[in-house]
Protein backbone atom coordinates (compact mmCIF):
# COMPACT_ATOMS: atom_id res chain seq x y z
CA MET A 1 -31.70 -31.73 20.44
CA TYR A 2 -30.90 -34.88 18.20
CA ILE A 3 -28.43 -35.45 15.20
CA MET A 4 -29.52 -37.24 12.10
CA THR A 5 -27.30 -39.17 9.12
CA ASN A 6 -27.70 -41.42 6.33
CA LYS A 7 -24.75 -43.23 6.98
CA ARG A 8 -21.22 -43.19 9.12
CA GLY A 9 -19.62 -40.07 8.79
CA GLY A 10 -22.18 -39.52 6.44
CA VAL A 11 -24.20 -36.16 6.27
CA LEU A 12 -25.10 -34.58 9.41
CA TYR A 13 -28.69 -32.61 10.59
CA ILE A 14 -28.91 -30.74 13.54
CA GLY A 15 -32.04 -30.43 14.70
CA VAL A 16 -34.26 -29.87 17.67
CA THR A 17 -37.94 -31.12 18.74
CA ALA A 18 -40.16 -31.11 21.46
CA ASP A 19 -41.48 -34.76 20.29
CA ILE A 20 -38.59 -36.48 19.73
CA SER A 21 -40.38 -39.77 18.51
CA ALA A 22 -42.65 -38.00 15.96
CA ARG A 23 -39.62 -35.94 14.58
CA VAL A 24 -37.76 -39.09 13.97
CA PHE A 25 -40.88 -40.69 12.56
CA GLN A 26 -41.11 -37.94 10.41
CA HIS A 27 -37.67 -37.90 9.19
CA LYS A 28 -37.75 -41.32 8.36
CA THR A 29 -41.10 -41.32 6.19
CA GLY A 30 -39.54 -38.70 4.37
CA LYS A 31 -41.99 -35.44 6.04
CA GLY A 32 -39.12 -34.41 7.82
CA SER A 33 -37.12 -31.40 6.68
CA ALA A 34 -36.65 -31.20 2.83
CA PHE A 35 -32.48 -30.74 3.98
CA CYS A 36 -33.31 -35.00 5.74
CA ARG A 37 -34.90 -35.52 2.15
CA LYS A 38 -32.61 -34.72 -0.01
CA TYR A 39 -29.78 -36.38 1.77
CA GLY A 40 -31.41 -39.56 3.16
CA LEU A 41 -31.10 -38.82 6.24
CA THR A 42 -33.07 -41.22 8.58
CA THR A 43 -30.64 -42.80 10.93
CA LEU A 44 -30.70 -40.96 14.85
CA VAL A 45 -27.33 -41.16 15.87
CA LEU A 46 -27.99 -38.87 19.03
CA ALA A 47 -30.09 -37.11 21.07
CA GLU A 48 -30.32 -35.19 23.72
CA GLU A 49 -32.62 -34.02 26.30
CA TYR A 50 -32.90 -30.96 27.79
CA PRO A 51 -35.37 -28.92 30.49
CA THR A 52 -36.72 -26.57 28.39
CA ILE A 53 -36.77 -25.84 25.00
CA GLU A 54 -34.78 -22.56 24.95
CA GLU A 55 -31.67 -24.63 26.33
CA ALA A 56 -32.10 -27.19 23.19
CA ILE A 57 -31.90 -24.69 21.41
CA ALA A 58 -29.21 -22.90 22.24
CA ARG A 59 -27.45 -26.22 22.46
CA GLU A 60 -28.59 -26.69 18.69
CA LYS A 61 -26.99 -23.43 17.76
CA ALA A 62 -23.87 -24.37 19.39
CA MET A 63 -23.54 -27.42 18.23
CA LYS A 64 -24.13 -26.10 14.21
CA ALA A 65 -21.33 -23.33 14.93
CA TRP A 66 -18.89 -26.73 15.46
CA LYS A 67 -16.75 -28.03 13.49
CA ARG A 68 -17.45 -31.37 11.99
CA GLN A 69 -14.69 -33.53 13.84
CA TRP A 70 -15.76 -32.31 17.38
CA LYS A 71 -19.92 -33.43 15.76
CA ILE A 72 -18.23 -36.36 14.63
CA GLU A 73 -16.31 -37.18 18.37
CA LEU A 74 -19.85 -36.03 20.15
CA ILE A 75 -21.81 -39.01 17.77
CA GLU A 76 -18.91 -41.57 18.37
CA ALA A 77 -18.29 -40.75 22.45
CA GLY A 78 -21.78 -41.89 23.00
CA ASN A 79 -22.72 -43.96 19.76
CA PRO A 80 -18.90 -45.26 18.71
CA ASP A 81 -21.10 -47.86 15.99
CA TRP A 82 -23.40 -44.93 14.89
CA SER A 83 -26.09 -47.27 15.49
CA ASP A 84 -29.92 -46.49 14.50
CA LEU A 85 -31.16 -45.10 18.37
CA ALA A 86 -34.83 -44.08 16.74
CA ALA A 87 -35.41 -48.19 18.16
CA ASN A 88 -35.11 -46.87 21.66
CA ILE A 89 -37.59 -43.73 21.28
CA LEU A 90 -40.28 -44.94 18.53
């Protein structure tokens, strides 16, 4: 499960994938989701790994129901500068 953005406090996209490196590369090269292309979401600010895809999907669905402020607090707890974490995985 991961979160992409365009800037600190900007638009957020929550997704799930079995291959985070490939998926982030797709977003960065404009081949990811149409939503990410539309808003220029190329910065990976959060990534969580789960033992099964079902658990990751459950987390994604739960987070999509969260208030925006909760999502921001989660990002800032682990990545206070909203740094692009893609360098750690690509």
